[in-house]
Amino acid sequence: MTWSLDPGGGGKRELEFPKHNYGILRQIIYCSKFNTYFALRKDCSLKVYNKDFVETFTVLNLDLKLVKSIIFNPETDELITGGVGGVKFWKYRMNHKSNNKVIAMSNYELFLRADYPHMGGNWVTKVELDVVTQQVFCCSVQALFCYNTQGQLLLEIPNPHKCSPTACIYSSYIKSILTCSTDCEIKAWSANGIITHRFTGHTRAITNLLIHPETPSIFISCSKDGSIRFWSLDIYSQLLR
């Protein structure tokens, strides 16, 4: 479903896509350039949906059964998948085949551009991308890796947390990497892998991090303790909860 803000202070449903009932989506990414959705389903199949949420393409590859995370690179029009067996880069482009279908975007497909089976230490639980620097961050079971989009290793941080890292983001504001884990801590790392700060406050596993879309000096965390928290990269402290 999609929702828009109501001037009266609430929200109203604009569109509803009932086809999601046929399969639970673990992750979904909207690409405004193509007006397309990339989705990772619970059965680990990789699907592409058009603006009407009609399925237009499925990656038929048995190796995808253990995909754990996806991210889209708008600079190269590529979908990046990470999981058991490393990282793959898929180019999203027109297939140039004769197509009599009138379904929007049905003539676009994902083509495998590169396969890096050892990228991220073979078991990638989360992939993230910094679009500006074109750096790919891979959270693995016991390490954090940073690569360029050609598969070159730029940085490795072994055991960044007491438990496996659950997410990471790059802050261009402080030129640091932020990581989180089920150990309830958020850590900031320098470009050469030195820890510079610990953010504490969550009482249960932290599941994701996000740089504020309008204020780069603020990042947001969410946790299984039921809270969403705002943190300042100026004073290195919590702002809101």
C-alpha atoms as a PDB file:
ATOM      1  CA  MET A   1       0.000   0.000   0.000  1.00  0.00           C
ATOM      2  CA  THR A   2       1.024   3.629  -0.420  1.00  0.00           C
ATOM      3  CA  TRP A   3      -0.041   6.445   1.893  1.00  0.00           C
ATOM      4  CA  SER A   4      -0.036  10.229   1.654  1.00  0.00           C
ATOM      5  CA  LEU A   5      -0.313  12.845   4.368  1.00  0.00           C
ATOM      6  CA  ASP A   6      -3.754  14.267   5.011  1.00  0.00           C
ATOM      7  CA  PRO A   7      -3.868  18.047   5.727  1.00  0.00           C
ATOM      8  CA  GLY A   8      -6.221  17.173   8.576  1.00  0.00           C
ATOM      9  CA  GLY A   9      -3.355  15.545  10.427  1.00  0.00           C
ATOM     10  CA  GLY A  10      -3.875  11.891   9.541  1.00  0.00           C
ATOM     11  CA  GLY A  11      -3.127   9.761   6.547  1.00  0.00           C
ATOM     12  CA  LYS A  12      -5.163   8.472   3.649  1.00  0.00           C
ATOM     13  CA  ARG A  13      -4.629   5.445   1.458  1.00  0.00           C
ATOM     14  CA  GLU A  14      -3.897   6.435  -2.140  1.00  0.00           C
ATOM     15  CA  LEU A  15      -3.177   3.083  -3.781  1.00  0.00           C
ATOM     16  CA  GLU A  16      -3.443  -0.548  -2.812  1.00  0.00           C
ATOM     17  CA  PHE A  17      -1.678  -3.470  -4.474  1.00  0.00           C
ATOM     18  CA  PRO A  18      -3.441  -6.687  -3.392  1.00  0.00           C
ATOM     19  CA  LYS A  19      -1.058  -8.940  -5.329  1.00  0.00           C
ATOM     20  CA  HIS A  20       1.385  -8.865  -2.411  1.00  0.00           C
ATOM     21  CA  ASN A  21      -0.936 -11.364  -0.709  1.00  0.00           C
ATOM     22  CA  TYR A  22       0.499 -14.092  -2.941  1.00  0.00           C
ATOM     23  CA  GLY A  23       3.911 -13.841  -1.318  1.00  0.00           C
ATOM     24  CA  ILE A  24       5.436 -12.057   1.650  1.00  0.00           C
ATOM     25  CA  LEU A  25       8.062  -9.472   0.680  1.00  0.00           C
ATOM     26  CA  ARG A  26      11.146  -9.353   2.887  1.00  0.00           C
ATOM     27  CA  GLN A  27      12.552  -6.245   1.213  1.00  0.00           C
ATOM     28  CA  ILE A  28      11.297  -3.841  -1.442  1.00  0.00           C
ATOM     29  CA  ILE A  29      13.080  -0.973  -3.229  1.00  0.00           C
ATOM     30  CA  TYR A  30      11.397   1.688  -5.347  1.00  0.00           C
ATOM     31  CA  CYS A  31      13.359   3.040  -8.330  1.00  0.00           C
ATOM     32  CA  SER A  32      11.943   6.407  -9.415  1.00  0.00           C
ATOM     33  CA  LYS A  33      13.980   6.481 -12.642  1.00  0.00           C
ATOM     34  CA  PHE A  34      12.137   3.444 -14.021  1.00  0.00           C
ATOM     35  CA  ASN A  35       9.014   3.755 -11.846  1.00  0.00           C
ATOM     36  CA  THR A  36       9.732   0.178 -10.838  1.00  0.00           C
ATOM     37  CA  TYR A  37       9.905  -1.922  -7.670  1.00  0.00           C
ATOM     38  CA  PHE A  38      12.601  -4.503  -6.941  1.00  0.00           C
ATOM     39  CA  ALA A  39      11.490  -7.031  -4.343  1.00  0.00           C
ATOM     40  CA  LEU A  40      13.044  -9.868  -2.383  1.00  0.00           C
ATOM     41  CA  ARG A  41      10.357 -12.310  -1.331  1.00  0.00           C
ATOM     42  CA  LYS A  42      10.261 -14.536   1.723  1.00  0.00           C
ATOM     43  CA  ASP A  43      11.091 -17.533  -0.465  1.00  0.00           C
ATOM     44  CA  CYS A  44      14.234 -15.572  -1.517  1.00  0.00           C
ATOM     45  CA  SER A  45      13.049 -15.174  -5.108  1.00  0.00           C
ATOM     46  CA  LEU A  46      13.930 -11.892  -6.790  1.00  0.00           C
ATOM     47  CA  LYS A  47      11.057 -10.086  -8.500  1.00  0.00           C
ATOM     48  CA  VAL A  48      10.579  -6.900 -10.524  1.00  0.00           C
ATOM     49  CA  TYR A  49       7.199  -5.106 -10.475  1.00  0.00           C
ATOM     50  CA  ASN A  50       6.023  -2.144 -12.537  1.00  0.00           C
ATOM     51  CA  LYS A  51       4.172   0.943 -11.291  1.00  0.00           C
ATOM     52  CA  ASP A  52       0.931  -1.022 -11.018  1.00  0.00           C
ATOM     53  CA  PHE A  53       2.706  -3.727  -9.025  1.00  0.00           C
ATOM     54  CA  VAL A  54       2.364  -6.194 -11.868  1.00  0.00           C
ATOM     55  CA  GLU A  55       5.242  -8.666 -11.983  1.00  0.00           C
ATOM     56  CA  THR A  56       7.384  -8.039 -15.081  1.00  0.00           C
ATOM     57  CA  PHE A  57      10.486 -10.144 -14.424  1.00  0.00           C
ATOM     58  CA  THR A  58      11.780 -12.911 -12.154  1.00  0.00           C
ATOM     59  CA  VAL A  59      15.396 -13.956 -11.786  1.00  0.00           C
ATOM     60  CA  LEU A  60      15.398 -17.696 -12.452  1.00  0.00           C
ATOM     61  CA  ASN A  61      18.602 -18.710 -10.725  1.00  0.00           C
ATOM     62  CA  LEU A  62      18.859 -21.385  -8.068  1.00  0.00           C
ATOM     63  CA  ASP A  63      21.791 -19.548  -6.471  1.00  0.00           C
ATOM     64  CA  LEU A  64      19.358 -16.802  -5.454  1.00  0.00           C
ATOM     65  CA  LYS A  65      17.654 -19.087  -2.917  1.00  0.00           C
ATOM     66  CA  LEU A  66      19.951 -17.711  -0.229  1.00  0.00           C
ATOM     67  CA  VAL A  67      19.874 -13.989  -1.086  1.00  0.00           C
ATOM     68  CA  LYS A  68      19.692 -11.945   2.104  1.00  0.00           C
ATOM     69  CA  SER A  69      19.738  -8.311   0.968  1.00  0.00           C
ATOM     70  CA  ILE A  70      19.299  -6.094  -2.105  1.00  0.00           C
ATOM     71  CA  ILE A  71      20.151  -2.479  -2.955  1.00  0.00           C
ATOM     72  CA  PHE A  72      19.847  -0.450  -6.184  1.00  0.00           C
ATOM     73  CA  ASN A  73      22.643   1.687  -7.621  1.00  0.00           C
ATOM     74  CA  PRO A  74      21.061   4.644  -9.503  1.00  0.00           C
ATOM     75  CA  GLU A  75      24.405   5.690 -10.980  1.00  0.00           C
ATOM     76  CA  THR A  76      24.860   2.463 -12.925  1.00  0.00           C
ATOM     77  CA  ASP A  77      21.261   1.170 -13.064  1.00  0.00           C
ATOM     78  CA  GLU A  78      22.306  -1.974 -11.245  1.00  0.00           C
ATOM     79  CA  LEU A  79      20.701  -4.090  -8.566  1.00  0.00           C
ATOM     80  CA  ILE A  80      23.192  -5.436  -6.024  1.00  0.00           C
ATOM     81  CA  THR A  81      22.342  -8.679  -4.222  1.00  0.00           C
ATOM     82  CA  GLY A  82      24.168 -10.135  -1.247  1.00  0.00           C
ATOM     83  CA  GLY A  83      23.815 -13.437   0.549  1.00  0.00           C
ATOM     84  CA  VAL A  84      25.347 -16.857   0.937  1.00  0.00           C
ATOM     85  CA  GLY A  85      27.870 -17.056  -1.874  1.00  0.00           C
ATOM     86  CA  GLY A  86      28.942 -13.415  -1.983  1.00  0.00           C
ATOM     87  CA  VAL A  87      27.649 -10.471  -4.001  1.00  0.00           C
ATOM     88  CA  LYS A  88      26.214 -10.162  -7.510  1.00  0.00           C
ATOM     89  CA  PHE A  89      25.681  -7.069  -9.687  1.00  0.00           C
ATOM     90  CA  TRP A  90      22.657  -7.108 -12.003  1.00  0.00           C
ATOM     91  CA  LYS A  91      22.264  -4.559 -14.801  1.00  0.00           C
ATOM     92  CA  TYR A  92      18.661  -3.425 -15.337  1.00  0.00           C
ATOM     93  CA  ARG A  93      18.144  -2.673 -19.017  1.00  0.00           C
ATOM     94  CA  MET A  94      15.948  -3.246 -22.054  1.00  0.00           C
ATOM     95  CA  ASN A  95      16.145  -6.778 -23.426  1.00  0.00           C
ATOM     96  CA  HIS A  96      15.757  -5.723 -27.109  1.00  0.00           C
ATOM     97  CA  LYS A  97      13.552  -8.749 -27.787  1.00  0.00           C
ATOM     98  CA  SER A  98      10.333  -8.556 -29.729  1.00  0.00           C
ATOM     99  CA  ASN A  99       7.589  -7.973 -27.191  1.00  0.00           C
ATOM    100  CA  ASN A 100       3.893  -7.840 -27.993  1.00  0.00           C
ATOM    101  CA  LYS A 101       2.889  -7.308 -24.382  1.00  0.00           C
ATOM    102  CA  VAL A 102       1.352  -3.999 -23.390  1.00  0.00           C
ATOM    103  CA  ILE A 103       2.414  -4.347 -19.754  1.00  0.00           C
ATOM    104  CA  ALA A 104       4.573  -1.414 -18.651  1.00  0.00           C
ATOM    105  CA  MET A 105       8.301  -2.259 -18.287  1.00  0.00           C
ATOM    106  CA  SER A 106       7.805  -5.844 -19.483  1.00  0.00           C
ATOM    107  CA  ASN A 107      10.664  -5.354 -21.967  1.00  0.00           C
ATOM    108  CA  TYR A 108      13.202  -4.679 -19.186  1.00  0.00           C
ATOM    109  CA  GLU A 109      15.212  -7.405 -17.463  1.00  0.00           C
ATOM    110  CA  LEU A 110      18.019  -7.937 -14.971  1.00  0.00           C
ATOM    111  CA  PHE A 111      21.258  -9.181 -16.557  1.00  0.00           C
ATOM    112  CA  LEU A 112      24.122 -10.530 -14.437  1.00  0.00           C
ATOM    113  CA  ARG A 113      27.055  -8.127 -14.870  1.00  0.00           C
ATOM    114  CA  ALA A 114      29.455  -9.475 -12.248  1.00  0.00           C
ATOM    115  CA  ASP A 115      29.615 -12.252  -9.665  1.00  0.00           C
ATOM    116  CA  TYR A 116      31.986 -11.958  -6.700  1.00  0.00           C
ATOM    117  CA  PRO A 117      31.598 -15.196  -4.690  1.00  0.00           C
ATOM    118  CA  HIS A 118      34.157 -14.183  -2.054  1.00  0.00           C
ATOM    119  CA  MET A 119      32.944 -10.616  -1.643  1.00  0.00           C
ATOM    120  CA  GLY A 120      31.917 -10.086   1.961  1.00  0.00           C
ATOM    121  CA  GLY A 121      33.453 -13.333   3.146  1.00  0.00           C
ATOM    122  CA  ASN A 122      30.937 -15.617   1.371  1.00  0.00           C
ATOM    123  CA  TRP A 123      28.072 -14.952   3.816  1.00  0.00           C
ATOM    124  CA  VAL A 124      26.617 -11.466   3.396  1.00  0.00           C
ATOM    125  CA  THR A 125      23.661 -10.604   5.632  1.00  0.00           C
ATOM    126  CA  LYS A 126      23.254  -6.982   4.495  1.00  0.00           C
ATOM    127  CA  VAL A 127      24.522  -4.850   1.603  1.00  0.00           C
ATOM    128  CA  GLU A 128      24.565  -1.056   1.586  1.00  0.00           C
ATOM    129  CA  LEU A 129      25.765   1.458  -1.000  1.00  0.00           C
ATOM    130  CA  ASP A 130      27.132   4.963  -0.729  1.00  0.00           C
ATOM    131  CA  VAL A 131      26.067   6.434  -4.061  1.00  0.00           C
ATOM    132  CA  VAL A 132      28.490   9.385  -4.004  1.00  0.00           C
ATOM    133  CA  THR A 133      31.653   7.346  -3.398  1.00  0.00           C
ATOM    134  CA  GLN A 134      30.308   4.219  -5.150  1.00  0.00           C
ATOM    135  CA  GLN A 135      31.410   2.091  -2.224  1.00  0.00           C
ATOM    136  CA  VAL A 136      29.620  -1.134  -1.322  1.00  0.00           C
ATOM    137  CA  PHE A 137      29.457  -2.132   2.344  1.00  0.00           C
ATOM    138  CA  CYS A 138      28.883  -5.772   3.261  1.00  0.00           C
ATOM    139  CA  CYS A 139      27.830  -6.901   6.711  1.00  0.00           C
ATOM    140  CA  SER A 140      28.955 -10.482   7.215  1.00  0.00           C
ATOM    141  CA  VAL A 141      28.553 -12.809  10.167  1.00  0.00           C
ATOM    142  CA  GLN A 142      31.702 -11.628  11.942  1.00  0.00           C
ATOM    143  CA  ALA A 143      33.071  -8.731   9.873  1.00  0.00           C
ATOM    144  CA  LEU A 144      32.381  -5.557   7.920  1.00  0.00           C
ATOM    145  CA  PHE A 145      33.815  -5.164   4.416  1.00  0.00           C
ATOM    146  CA  CYS A 146      33.995  -2.201   2.065  1.00  0.00           C
ATOM    147  CA  TYR A 147      34.517  -2.620  -1.702  1.00  0.00           C
ATOM    148  CA  ASN A 148      34.307  -0.536  -4.830  1.00  0.00           C
ATOM    149  CA  THR A 149      31.782  -1.584  -7.471  1.00  0.00           C
ATOM    150  CA  GLN A 150      34.494  -3.458  -9.378  1.00  0.00           C
ATOM    151  CA  GLY A 151      35.009  -5.868  -6.483  1.00  0.00           C
ATOM    152  CA  GLN A 152      38.214  -4.379  -5.065  1.00  0.00           C
ATOM    153  CA  LEU A 153      38.502  -4.650  -1.278  1.00  0.00           C
ATOM    154  CA  LEU A 154      39.032  -1.221   0.316  1.00  0.00           C
ATOM    155  CA  LEU A 155      38.561  -1.958   4.015  1.00  0.00           C
ATOM    156  CA  GLU A 156      37.930  -4.876   6.361  1.00  0.00           C
ATOM    157  CA  ILE A 157      36.915  -4.525  10.007  1.00  0.00           C
ATOM    158  CA  PRO A 158      36.925  -7.918  11.750  1.00  0.00           C
ATOM    159  CA  ASN A 159      34.495  -8.404  14.645  1.00  0.00           C
ATOM    160  CA  PRO A 160      33.145  -4.818  14.697  1.00  0.00           C
ATOM    161  CA  HIS A 161      30.644  -5.809  17.417  1.00  0.00           C
ATOM    162  CA  LYS A 162      30.208  -8.475  20.089  1.00  0.00           C
ATOM    163  CA  CYS A 163      27.507  -9.974  17.851  1.00  0.00           C
ATOM    164  CA  SER A 164      27.028 -10.026  14.092  1.00  0.00           C
ATOM    165  CA  PRO A 165      26.499  -6.551  12.565  1.00  0.00           C
ATOM    166  CA  THR A 166      22.937  -5.980  11.381  1.00  0.00           C
ATOM    167  CA  ALA A 167      23.376  -2.792   9.312  1.00  0.00           C
ATOM    168  CA  CYS A 168      25.853  -0.127   8.278  1.00  0.00           C
ATOM    169  CA  ILE A 169      25.763   3.266   6.555  1.00  0.00           C
ATOM    170  CA  TYR A 170      28.353   5.770   5.412  1.00  0.00           C
ATOM    171  CA  SER A 171      28.164   9.348   6.676  1.00  0.00           C
ATOM    172  CA  SER A 172      29.761  11.826   4.283  1.00  0.00           C
ATOM    173  CA  TYR A 173      29.150  14.507   6.929  1.00  0.00           C
ATOM    174  CA  ILE A 174      31.777  13.067   9.290  1.00  0.00           C
ATOM    175  CA  LYS A 175      33.415  10.779   6.678  1.00  0.00           C
ATOM    176  CA  SER A 176      32.808   7.748   8.864  1.00  0.00           C
ATOM    177  CA  ILE A 177      31.072   4.388   8.757  1.00  0.00           C
ATOM    178  CA  LEU A 178      28.259   3.731  11.230  1.00  0.00           C
ATOM    179  CA  THR A 179      27.459   0.159  12.233  1.00  0.00           C
ATOM    180  CA  CYS A 180      24.931  -1.477  14.546  1.00  0.00           C
ATOM    181  CA  SER A 181      24.282  -4.915  15.944  1.00  0.00           C
ATOM    182  CA  THR A 182      22.180  -7.049  18.227  1.00  0.00           C
ATOM    183  CA  ASP A 183      24.543  -5.988  21.037  1.00  0.00           C
ATOM    184  CA  CYS A 184      22.504  -2.721  21.279  1.00  0.00           C
ATOM    185  CA  GLU A 185      25.446  -0.490  20.296  1.00  0.00           C
ATOM    186  CA  ILE A 186      26.025   1.848  17.370  1.00  0.00           C
ATOM    187  CA  LYS A 187      29.652   2.491  16.468  1.00  0.00           C
ATOM    188  CA  ALA A 188      31.358   5.094  14.309  1.00  0.00           C
ATOM    189  CA  TRP A 189      34.481   4.060  12.382  1.00  0.00           C
ATOM    190  CA  SER A 190      37.085   6.155  10.588  1.00  0.00           C
ATOM    191  CA  ALA A 191      37.996   5.528   6.949  1.00  0.00           C
ATOM    192  CA  ASN A 192      40.907   3.328   8.058  1.00  0.00           C
ATOM    193  CA  GLY A 193      38.841   1.207  10.431  1.00  0.00           C
ATOM    194  CA  ILE A 194      39.494   2.920  13.766  1.00  0.00           C
ATOM    195  CA  ILE A 195      36.538   3.196  16.142  1.00  0.00           C
ATOM    196  CA  THR A 196      35.831   6.834  17.010  1.00  0.00           C
ATOM    197  CA  HIS A 197      32.609   6.722  19.036  1.00  0.00           C
ATOM    198  CA  ARG A 198      29.978   4.474  20.622  1.00  0.00           C
ATOM    199  CA  PHE A 199      26.313   5.469  20.696  1.00  0.00           C
ATOM    200  CA  THR A 200      24.338   3.777  23.474  1.00  0.00           C
ATOM    201  CA  GLY A 201      20.707   3.942  24.523  1.00  0.00           C
ATOM    202  CA  HIS A 202      18.865   1.089  22.832  1.00  0.00           C
ATOM    203  CA  THR A 203      18.008  -1.832  25.095  1.00  0.00           C
ATOM    204  CA  ARG A 204      17.440  -4.497  22.445  1.00  0.00           C
ATOM    205  CA  ALA A 205      18.842  -5.444  19.054  1.00  0.00           C
ATOM    206  CA  ILE A 206      19.258  -2.556  16.584  1.00  0.00           C
ATOM    207  CA  THR A 207      17.883  -3.542  13.192  1.00  0.00           C
ATOM    208  CA  ASN A 208      18.681  -0.643  10.855  1.00  0.00           C
ATOM    209  CA  LEU A 209      20.314   2.775  10.399  1.00  0.00           C
ATOM    210  CA  LEU A 210      19.450   5.674   8.097  1.00  0.00           C
ATOM    211  CA  ILE A 211      21.008   9.057   7.377  1.00  0.00           C
ATOM    212  CA  HIS A 212      18.349  11.768   7.688  1.00  0.00           C
ATOM    213  CA  PRO A 213      17.248  12.576   4.096  1.00  0.00           C
ATOM    214  CA  GLU A 214      17.328  16.355   4.658  1.00  0.00           C
ATOM    215  CA  THR A 215      19.828  16.852   7.509  1.00  0.00           C
ATOM    216  CA  PRO A 216      23.066  14.884   7.003  1.00  0.00           C
ATOM    217  CA  SER A 217      24.249  15.723  10.522  1.00  0.00           C
ATOM    218  CA  ILE A 218      21.492  13.456  11.902  1.00  0.00           C
ATOM    219  CA  PHE A 219      21.034   9.721  11.588  1.00  0.00           C
ATOM    220  CA  ILE A 220      18.150   7.501  12.647  1.00  0.00           C
ATOM    221  CA  SER A 221      18.148   4.071  14.274  1.00  0.00           C
ATOM    222  CA  CYS A 222      15.379   1.548  14.895  1.00  0.00           C
ATOM    223  CA  SER A 223      15.412  -1.287  17.364  1.00  0.00           C
ATOM    224  CA  LYS A 224      13.465  -4.260  18.651  1.00  0.00           C
ATOM    225  CA  ASP A 225      13.011  -2.294  21.869  1.00  0.00           C
ATOM    226  CA  GLY A 226      10.194  -0.562  19.976  1.00  0.00           C
ATOM    227  CA  SER A 227      11.910   2.805  19.599  1.00  0.00           C
ATOM    228  CA  ILE A 228      13.137   4.944  16.730  1.00  0.00           C
ATOM    229  CA  ARG A 229      15.891   7.318  17.789  1.00  0.00           C
ATOM    230  CA  PHE A 230      17.487  10.394  16.237  1.00  0.00           C
ATOM    231  CA  TRP A 231      21.195  11.006  16.825  1.00  0.00           C
ATOM    232  CA  SER A 232      23.351  14.081  16.221  1.00  0.00           C
ATOM    233  CA  LEU A 233      26.701  13.760  14.471  1.00  0.00           C
ATOM    234  CA  ASP A 234      27.604  17.244  15.745  1.00  0.00           C
ATOM    235  CA  ILE A 235      27.354  16.499  19.467  1.00  0.00           C
ATOM    236  CA  TYR A 236      27.440  12.677  19.190  1.00  0.00           C
ATOM    237  CA  SER A 237      24.357  12.326  21.332  1.00  0.00           C
ATOM    238  CA  GLN A 238      20.718  11.316  21.112  1.00  0.00           C
ATOM    239  CA  LEU A 239      18.246  14.013  20.043  1.00  0.00           C
ATOM    240  CA  LEU A 240      14.810  12.389  19.933  1.00  0.00           C
ATOM    241  CA  ARG A 241      13.221   9.057  20.682  1.00  0.00           C
END
